[in-house]
């Protein structure tokens, strides 16, 4: 019994020390695991210490500013004149001219926000010093008007095809119905274009040394928290409001020209057959000349409108797809991105400000009404100039008489 107690006494301290050692090892292992987790989760970010160089020069700012300023002023004046001419003239009240008025309103809004686009890509590229609401206003109105323009041109081409291919069905269309359709277009595009951009876009300073997508973007751009939602939106909205109208317009425009040429050939063949039976050449030729002139104007008008749309919207659509999917780390690639975006926006503004010129070139009636309207404005302004000249001359005469009196008083 004594030996057994001695053996037990000798074993107890060994077992306790062994247990303590095991517990200490577990604690050390937990400490090491915790430290490893801390190191992986809270690693300090390694920033690039190289100096940042902006992707554009002062010469690029001056060139783009001068071009956009000219397009803005011309776009505002030309679209306002076109709207007033069509609204005030009873001769121009038609379905197609009403759609042109709606297009001019869209182009006018785009021209009014173009200074914000210039500021965003130049002086406000690094930091948006204007109120943040103006950033949201620019993006919302710009997207809204883009969608409105594309759907209006699609509607214009569709109704033009209907008027040529099925003229009896076209005569049943009333101006009130077109007004309702255009109002629906403005409403739908407001909900699908204006509101999402208002929510998703913001103005903040971007980290130029980061490897994220927005490192090359201006300060007034998409909030990266909404990047995944925007990419999904881009896949759904752009095919509906941009790609689909673009494809349909590209098919309808030459199709309308082909249909008109075939109809013209059929008329000529019929008239030649009738002329061989009945000698009625002069009256038929004059009527044919008038119809051909109208057809030429219709083809020219649609060609100008659809061509201007393609000229402005293909580059800006390509740039939007490019800049949201490509990351840039080198300065040369960032400069290319900036130049691509600025050139695409300038082309978009050029296409929109030239539309009123195309409307007048394609329609002789609109040219006459525009010239008459401008003459009225000149006549209204000329009396004001004459009155100002008279007041200036009278004030100069009174000053001369008072000076003469003063000299006489001094002589006396």
Protein backbone atom coordinates (compact mmCIF):
# COMPACT_ATOMS: atom_id res chain seq x y z
CA UNK A 1 0.00 0.00 0.00
CA UNK A 2 2.81 2.39 0.80
CA UNK A 3 4.36 1.77 -2.62
CA UNK A 4 1.10 2.39 -4.41
CA UNK A 5 0.62 5.73 -2.61
CA UNK A 6 4.16 6.79 -3.53
CA UNK A 7 3.57 5.89 -7.16
CA UNK A 8 0.32 7.89 -7.21
CA UNK A 9 2.01 10.92 -5.58
CA UNK A 10 4.77 10.79 -8.17
CA UNK A 11 2.28 10.58 -11.07
CA UNK A 12 -0.01 13.48 -10.04
CA UNK A 13 2.36 16.38 -10.66
CA UNK A 14 3.42 14.87 -14.01
CA UNK A 15 -0.18 14.67 -15.23
CA UNK A 16 -1.00 18.22 -14.12
CA UNK A 17 2.08 19.69 -15.77
CA UNK A 18 1.27 17.80 -18.93
CA UNK A 19 -2.22 19.19 -18.97
CA UNK A 20 -0.93 22.69 -18.40
CA UNK A 21 1.51 22.33 -21.27
CA UNK A 22 -1.29 21.14 -23.58
CA UNK A 23 -3.47 24.12 -22.62
CA UNK A 24 -0.61 26.54 -23.20
CA UNK A 25 0.02 25.07 -26.65
CA UNK A 26 -3.66 25.50 -27.53
CA UNK A 27 -3.53 29.13 -26.38
CA UNK A 28 -0.43 29.75 -28.48
CA UNK A 29 -2.05 28.19 -31.53
CA UNK A 30 -5.14 30.36 -31.10
CA UNK A 31 -2.97 33.45 -30.74
CA UNK A 32 -1.08 32.65 -33.92
CA UNK A 33 -4.31 32.00 -35.83
CA UNK A 34 -5.76 35.29 -34.61
CA UNK A 35 -2.64 37.22 -35.60
CA UNK A 36 -2.66 35.63 -39.06
CA UNK A 37 -6.28 36.65 -39.53
CA UNK A 38 -5.48 40.18 -38.43
CA UNK A 39 -2.61 40.39 -40.88
CA UNK A 40 -4.70 39.15 -43.80
CA UNK A 41 -7.75 41.30 -43.10
CA UNK A 42 -6.03 44.51 -42.07
CA UNK A 43 -3.12 44.64 -44.44
CA UNK A 44 -2.04 48.21 -45.13
CA UNK A 45 -2.82 49.31 -48.72
CA UNK A 46 0.25 49.93 -50.80
CA UNK A 47 -0.32 53.10 -52.81
CA UNK A 48 1.54 54.13 -55.89
CA UNK A 49 3.82 56.99 -54.95
CA UNK A 50 4.43 58.15 -58.53
CA UNK A 51 3.05 61.66 -59.24
CA UNK A 52 -0.33 61.77 -60.96
CA UNK A 53 -0.50 63.27 -64.47
CA UNK A 54 -3.91 64.23 -65.86
CA UNK A 55 -4.79 62.60 -69.19
CA UNK A 56 -5.34 65.86 -71.12
CA UNK A 57 -3.50 69.11 -71.80
CA UNK A 58 -4.46 72.79 -71.72
CA UNK A 59 -4.54 72.81 -75.52
CA UNK A 60 -7.09 69.99 -75.47
CA UNK A 61 -9.23 72.01 -73.05
CA UNK A 62 -9.16 75.12 -75.25
CA UNK A 63 -9.97 73.20 -78.44
CA UNK A 64 -12.84 71.20 -76.93
CA UNK A 65 -14.20 74.30 -75.13
CA UNK A 66 -14.26 76.37 -78.30
CA UNK A 67 -15.99 73.63 -80.33
CA UNK A 68 -18.58 72.86 -77.65
CA UNK A 69 -19.29 76.57 -77.05
CA UNK A 70 -20.02 77.11 -80.76
CA UNK A 71 -22.21 74.01 -80.97
CA UNK A 72 -24.04 75.01 -77.78
CA UNK A 73 -24.87 78.55 -78.99
CA UNK A 74 -25.81 77.42 -82.48
CA UNK A 75 -27.87 74.50 -81.14
CA UNK A 76 -29.85 76.72 -78.77
CA UNK A 77 -30.59 79.39 -81.39
CA UNK A 78 -31.29 77.01 -84.29
CA UNK A 79 -33.59 74.70 -82.34
CA UNK A 80 -35.49 77.63 -80.82
CA UNK A 81 -36.01 79.18 -84.25
CA UNK A 82 -37.20 75.85 -85.69
CA UNK A 83 -39.66 75.34 -82.85
CA UNK A 84 -41.08 78.85 -83.19
CA UNK A 85 -41.34 78.64 -86.99
CA UNK A 86 -43.30 75.37 -86.93
CA UNK A 87 -45.53 76.39 -84.03
CA UNK A 88 -46.38 79.85 -85.46
CA UNK A 89 -46.90 78.75 -89.07
CA UNK A 90 -50.20 77.19 -90.08
CA UNK A 91 -48.65 75.83 -93.29
CA UNK A 92 -46.25 73.62 -91.34
CA UNK A 93 -48.79 71.95 -89.07
CA UNK A 94 -48.39 68.28 -89.94
CA UNK A 95 -47.57 64.99 -88.25
CA UNK A 96 -43.93 64.98 -89.33
CA UNK A 97 -43.35 68.60 -88.35
CA UNK A 98 -44.82 67.97 -84.91
CA UNK A 99 -42.28 65.18 -84.41
CA UNK A 100 -39.56 67.58 -85.56
CA UNK A 101 -40.69 70.04 -82.87
CA UNK A 102 -40.40 67.33 -80.24
CA UNK A 103 -36.94 66.42 -81.55
CA UNK A 104 -35.91 70.08 -81.38
CA UNK A 105 -37.02 70.25 -77.74
CA UNK A 106 -34.82 67.23 -76.98
CA UNK A 107 -31.84 68.76 -78.80
CA UNK A 108 -32.42 72.08 -77.03
CA UNK A 109 -32.25 70.43 -73.61
CA UNK A 110 -29.05 68.64 -74.62
CA UNK A 111 -27.49 71.92 -75.76
CA UNK A 112 -28.40 73.61 -72.47
CA UNK A 113 -26.55 71.01 -70.37
CA UNK A 114 -23.51 70.79 -72.68
CA UNK A 115 -21.51 73.34 -70.56
CA UNK A 116 -21.76 70.89 -67.65
CA UNK A 117 -20.36 68.15 -69.88
CA UNK A 118 -17.44 70.40 -70.83
CA UNK A 119 -16.76 71.26 -67.18
CA UNK A 120 -16.99 67.59 -66.20
CA UNK A 121 -14.30 66.54 -68.67
CA UNK A 122 -11.95 69.51 -68.20
CA UNK A 123 -11.89 71.82 -65.17
CA UNK A 124 -14.04 69.52 -63.00
CA UNK A 125 -12.28 66.32 -64.02
CA UNK A 126 -10.35 65.96 -60.74
CA UNK A 127 -12.80 67.64 -58.39
CA UNK A 128 -16.39 68.76 -59.02
CA UNK A 129 -16.53 72.18 -57.37
CA UNK A 130 -20.08 72.94 -58.55
CA UNK A 131 -23.11 71.79 -56.53
CA UNK A 132 -23.59 68.03 -56.70
CA UNK A 133 -27.15 68.48 -57.99
CA UNK A 134 -25.77 69.82 -61.27
CA UNK A 135 -23.87 66.57 -61.79
CA UNK A 136 -27.09 64.59 -61.41
CA UNK A 137 -28.98 67.06 -63.65
CA UNK A 138 -26.43 66.70 -66.45
CA UNK A 139 -26.44 62.89 -66.48
CA UNK A 140 -30.21 62.59 -66.08
CA UNK A 141 -31.10 65.06 -68.86
CA UNK A 142 -28.37 63.74 -71.17
CA UNK A 143 -29.58 60.14 -70.92
CA UNK A 144 -33.24 61.16 -71.07
CA UNK A 145 -32.78 63.17 -74.29
CA UNK A 146 -30.70 60.40 -75.88
CA UNK A 147 -33.52 57.91 -75.39
CA UNK A 148 -36.14 60.42 -76.56
CA UNK A 149 -34.20 61.19 -79.75
CA UNK A 150 -33.68 57.56 -80.72
CA UNK A 151 -37.35 56.64 -80.22
CA UNK A 152 -38.55 59.76 -82.05
CA UNK A 153 -36.43 58.98 -85.10
CA UNK A 154 -37.70 55.39 -85.02
CA UNK A 155 -41.29 56.71 -84.93
CA UNK A 156 -40.48 59.17 -87.72
CA UNK A 157 -39.10 56.45 -89.98
CA UNK A 158 -42.01 54.10 -89.22
CA UNK A 159 -44.66 56.69 -90.07
CA UNK A 160 -42.75 57.70 -93.21
CA UNK A 161 -42.80 54.05 -94.33
CA UNK A 162 -46.50 53.87 -93.53
CA UNK A 163 -47.23 57.01 -95.58
CA UNK A 164 -45.39 55.61 -98.61
CA UNK A 165 -46.33 51.93 -98.51
CA UNK A 166 -49.89 52.24 -97.14
CA UNK A 167 -51.05 55.81 -97.83
CA UNK A 168 -54.71 55.10 -97.06
CA UNK A 169 -53.77 53.83 -93.60
CA UNK A 170 -51.56 56.86 -93.07
CA UNK A 171 -54.45 59.23 -93.81
CA UNK A 172 -56.37 57.72 -90.90
CA UNK A 173 -53.64 58.79 -88.44
CA UNK A 174 -54.51 62.02 -86.65
CA UNK A 175 -52.23 64.60 -85.09
CA UNK A 176 -53.82 63.98 -81.71
CA UNK A 177 -52.70 60.35 -81.80
CA UNK A 178 -49.10 61.37 -82.58
CA UNK A 179 -49.18 63.82 -79.67
CA UNK A 180 -50.24 61.02 -77.33
CA UNK A 181 -47.48 58.72 -78.65
CA UNK A 182 -44.80 61.39 -78.20
CA UNK A 183 -46.04 62.14 -74.67
CA UNK A 184 -45.78 58.42 -73.85
CA UNK A 185 -42.23 58.37 -75.23
CA UNK A 186 -41.20 61.30 -73.03
CA UNK A 187 -42.82 59.68 -69.97
CA UNK A 188 -41.28 56.21 -70.45
CA UNK A 189 -37.81 57.57 -71.14
CA UNK A 190 -38.04 59.81 -68.07
CA UNK A 191 -38.68 56.79 -65.85
CA UNK A 192 -36.09 54.58 -67.57
CA UNK A 193 -33.39 57.20 -68.21
CA UNK A 194 -33.72 60.24 -65.97
CA UNK A 195 -34.52 58.56 -62.64
CA UNK A 196 -31.84 55.78 -62.67
CA UNK A 197 -29.07 58.26 -63.54
CA UNK A 198 -30.26 60.59 -60.81
CA UNK A 199 -29.90 57.78 -58.26
CA UNK A 200 -26.68 56.15 -59.49
CA UNK A 201 -24.47 59.12 -60.37
CA UNK A 202 -22.58 61.37 -57.97
CA UNK A 203 -19.64 63.75 -57.77
CA UNK A 204 -16.64 62.69 -55.69
CA UNK A 205 -12.86 62.68 -55.95
CA UNK A 206 -11.53 59.49 -57.57
CA UNK A 207 -8.43 57.57 -56.49
CA UNK A 208 -6.20 57.93 -59.56
CA UNK A 209 -3.61 55.41 -58.32
CA UNK A 210 -6.12 52.62 -57.72
CA UNK A 211 -6.71 49.75 -60.12
CA UNK A 212 -10.50 50.12 -60.12
CA UNK A 213 -12.60 51.02 -63.15
CA UNK A 214 -13.42 54.53 -61.95
CA UNK A 215 -9.74 55.51 -61.55
CA UNK A 216 -9.82 56.98 -65.08
CA UNK A 217 -13.29 58.52 -64.85
CA UNK A 218 -14.08 62.18 -64.13
CA UNK A 219 -15.20 63.14 -60.65
CA UNK A 220 -18.84 63.43 -61.78
CA UNK A 221 -19.53 59.83 -62.80
CA UNK A 222 -21.20 56.61 -61.74
CA UNK A 223 -21.04 55.62 -58.09
CA UNK A 224 -19.11 52.32 -58.10
CA UNK A 225 -21.49 50.89 -55.49
CA UNK A 226 -24.04 50.72 -58.32
CA UNK A 227 -21.60 49.32 -60.93
CA UNK A 228 -23.16 45.83 -61.10
CA UNK A 229 -26.66 47.28 -61.30
CA UNK A 230 -25.52 49.67 -64.05
CA UNK A 231 -24.01 46.84 -66.09
CA UNK A 232 -27.29 44.93 -65.87
CA UNK A 233 -29.18 48.12 -66.75
CA UNK A 234 -26.85 48.67 -69.72
CA UNK A 235 -27.58 45.17 -71.04
CA UNK A 236 -31.34 45.77 -70.85
CA UNK A 237 -31.90 49.49 -71.49
CA UNK A 238 -29.40 50.17 -74.25
CA UNK A 239 -30.69 47.41 -76.57
CA UNK A 240 -34.25 48.71 -76.10
CA UNK A 241 -33.64 52.46 -76.38
CA UNK A 242 -30.47 52.65 -78.54
CA UNK A 243 -29.49 49.41 -80.34
CA UNK A 244 -32.95 48.35 -81.50
CA UNK A 245 -33.95 51.80 -82.86
CA UNK A 246 -30.54 52.09 -84.50
CA UNK A 247 -30.90 48.74 -86.26
CA UNK A 248 -34.48 49.40 -87.38
CA UNK A 249 -33.58 52.87 -88.68
CA UNK A 250 -30.62 51.42 -90.59
CA UNK A 251 -33.01 48.96 -92.29
CA UNK A 252 -35.99 51.29 -92.83
CA UNK A 253 -34.09 54.21 -94.38
CA UNK A 254 -32.80 52.35 -97.46
CA UNK A 255 -36.01 50.31 -97.61
CA UNK A 256 -38.08 53.51 -97.93
CA UNK A 257 -35.80 54.77 -100.71
CA UNK A 258 -36.09 51.45 -102.57
CA UNK A 259 -39.90 51.43 -102.25
CA UNK A 260 -40.13 55.00 -103.56
CA UNK A 261 -37.92 54.22 -106.56
CA UNK A 262 -40.00 51.15 -107.43
CA UNK A 263 -43.23 53.11 -107.14
CA UNK A 264 -41.74 55.79 -109.38
CA UNK A 265 -40.78 53.23 -112.03
CA UNK A 266 -44.25 51.69 -111.92
CA UNK A 267 -45.84 55.12 -112.40
CA UNK A 268 -43.58 55.89 -115.34
CA UNK A 269 -44.43 52.57 -117.01
CA UNK A 270 -48.15 53.14 -116.49
CA UNK A 271 -47.94 56.67 -117.86
CA UNK A 272 -45.96 55.55 -120.88
CA UNK A 273 -48.63 52.95 -121.58
CA UNK A 274 -51.43 55.49 -121.17
CA UNK A 275 -49.57 58.06 -123.31
CA UNK A 276 -49.39 55.55 -126.13
CA UNK A 277 -53.18 55.21 -126.01
CA UNK A 278 -54.11 58.82 -125.12
CA UNK A 279 -51.89 61.80 -125.92
CA UNK A 280 -51.89 63.58 -122.55
CA UNK A 281 -48.22 64.29 -122.12
CA UNK A 282 -47.88 67.82 -120.64
CA UNK A 283 -50.29 67.56 -117.69
CA UNK A 284 -49.06 64.13 -116.65
CA UNK A 285 -45.41 65.23 -116.78
CA UNK A 286 -46.06 68.22 -114.48
CA UNK A 287 -47.88 66.04 -111.98
CA UNK A 288 -45.10 63.49 -112.09
CA UNK A 289 -42.50 66.19 -111.50
CA UNK A 290 -44.34 67.38 -108.41
CA UNK A 291 -44.69 63.88 -106.98
CA UNK A 292 -41.04 63.12 -107.66
CA UNK A 293 -40.01 66.35 -105.98
CA UNK A 294 -42.03 65.44 -102.90
CA UNK A 295 -40.56 61.97 -102.86
CA UNK A 296 -37.04 63.37 -103.14
CA UNK A 297 -37.70 65.71 -100.22
CA UNK A 298 -39.03 62.81 -98.14
CA UNK A 299 -35.99 60.65 -98.90
CA UNK A 300 -33.61 63.53 -98.25
CA UNK A 301 -35.27 64.46 -94.95
CA UNK A 302 -35.20 60.90 -93.63
CA UNK A 303 -31.62 60.39 -94.84
CA UNK A 304 -30.46 63.54 -93.05
CA UNK A 305 -32.26 62.70 -89.81
CA UNK A 306 -31.19 59.04 -89.67
CA UNK A 307 -27.65 59.82 -90.86
CA UNK A 308 -27.22 62.53 -88.24
CA UNK A 309 -28.50 60.12 -85.60
CA UNK A 310 -25.99 57.43 -86.60
CA UNK A 311 -23.19 60.00 -86.82
CA UNK A 312 -23.74 61.13 -83.23
CA UNK A 313 -24.90 58.04 -81.39
CA UNK A 314 -22.65 55.26 -82.69
CA UNK A 315 -19.44 56.81 -81.24
CA UNK A 316 -20.96 57.67 -77.84
CA UNK A 317 -22.50 54.18 -77.54
CA UNK A 318 -19.16 52.55 -78.39
CA UNK A 319 -17.38 54.70 -75.82
CA UNK A 320 -19.90 53.86 -73.08
CA UNK A 321 -19.38 50.14 -73.66
CA UNK A 322 -15.59 50.57 -73.79
CA UNK A 323 -15.10 52.68 -70.67
CA UNK A 324 -17.31 50.56 -68.40
CA UNK A 325 -15.54 47.29 -69.24
CA UNK A 326 -11.86 48.18 -69.70
CA UNK A 327 -9.40 49.02 -66.92
CA UNK A 328 -6.43 51.29 -67.59
CA UNK A 329 -3.20 51.48 -65.62
CA UNK A 330 -0.92 53.29 -68.09
CA UNK A 331 -1.09 57.00 -68.85
CA UNK A 332 -1.31 56.45 -72.61
CA UNK A 333 -4.44 54.31 -72.20
CA UNK A 334 -6.02 56.91 -69.90
CA UNK A 335 -5.29 59.62 -72.46
CA UNK A 336 -6.89 57.49 -75.17
CA UNK A 337 -9.97 57.01 -72.97
CA UNK A 338 -10.26 60.77 -72.39
CA UNK A 339 -9.82 61.61 -76.08
CA UNK A 340 -12.30 58.91 -77.11
CA UNK A 341 -14.93 60.22 -74.70
CA UNK A 342 -14.45 63.88 -75.64
CA UNK A 343 -14.52 63.24 -79.40
CA UNK A 344 -17.62 61.05 -79.06
CA UNK A 345 -19.43 63.77 -77.08
CA UNK A 346 -18.43 66.50 -79.58
CA UNK A 347 -19.77 64.38 -82.45
CA UNK A 348 -23.03 63.88 -80.54
CA UNK A 349 -23.45 67.63 -80.04
CA UNK A 350 -22.57 68.34 -83.67
CA UNK A 351 -25.22 65.93 -84.89
CA UNK A 352 -27.86 67.52 -82.67
CA UNK A 353 -27.06 71.14 -83.54
CA UNK A 354 -27.00 70.41 -87.29
CA UNK A 355 -30.48 68.85 -87.29
CA UNK A 356 -32.31 72.20 -87.80
CA UNK A 357 -30.15 72.84 -90.89
CA UNK A 358 -31.08 69.42 -92.28
CA UNK A 359 -34.78 70.07 -91.64
CA UNK A 360 -34.61 73.26 -93.71
CA UNK A 361 -32.52 71.71 -96.49
CA UNK A 362 -34.99 68.86 -96.93
CA UNK A 363 -38.13 71.03 -96.93
CA UNK A 364 -38.60 74.03 -99.24
CA UNK A 365 -41.75 75.03 -97.36
CA UNK A 366 -39.85 75.15 -94.06
CA UNK A 367 -37.08 77.19 -95.68
CA UNK A 368 -39.57 79.80 -96.84
CA UNK A 369 -41.24 79.99 -93.44
CA UNK A 370 -37.87 80.22 -91.67
CA UNK A 371 -36.73 83.07 -93.93
CA UNK A 372 -40.02 84.92 -93.35
CA UNK A 373 -39.69 84.44 -89.59
CA UNK A 374 -36.12 85.75 -89.55
CA UNK A 375 -37.17 88.78 -91.60
CA UNK A 376 -39.88 89.54 -89.05
CA UNK A 377 -37.32 89.36 -86.24
CA UNK A 378 -34.98 91.70 -88.13
CA UNK A 379 -37.83 94.17 -88.73
CA UNK A 380 -38.80 94.05 -85.07
CA UNK A 381 -35.22 94.62 -83.96
CA UNK A 382 -34.44 97.38 -86.48
CA UNK A 383 -36.80 99.99 -84.90
CA UNK A 384 -35.15 99.37 -81.55
CA UNK A 385 -31.75 99.98 -83.11
CA UNK A 386 -33.06 103.12 -84.81
CA UNK A 387 -34.56 104.41 -81.56
CA UNK A 388 -31.30 103.79 -79.76
CA UNK A 389 -29.42 105.60 -82.52
CA UNK A 390 -31.82 108.55 -82.26
CA UNK A 391 -31.48 108.71 -78.49
CA UNK A 392 -27.70 108.58 -78.79
CA UNK A 393 -27.71 111.33 -81.45
CA UNK A 394 -30.10 113.47 -79.42
CA UNK A 395 -27.99 113.04 -76.30
CA UNK A 396 -24.89 114.01 -78.28
CA UNK A 397 -26.69 117.09 -79.66
CA UNK A 398 -27.82 118.15 -76.19
CA UNK A 399 -24.30 117.70 -74.89
CA UNK A 400 -22.98 119.85 -77.75
CA UNK A 401 -25.51 122.59 -77.07
CA UNK A 402 -24.77 122.59 -73.34
CA UNK A 403 -21.04 122.74 -74.05
CA UNK A 404 -21.65 125.62 -76.47
CA UNK A 405 -23.64 127.47 -73.83
CA UNK A 406 -20.91 126.97 -71.31
CA UNK A 407 -18.34 128.38 -73.68
CA UNK A 408 -20.57 131.41 -74.36
CA UNK A 409 -20.98 131.98 -70.65
CA UNK A 410 -17.24 131.84 -70.22
CA UNK A 411 -16.72 134.31 -73.09
CA UNK A 412 -19.26 136.68 -71.63
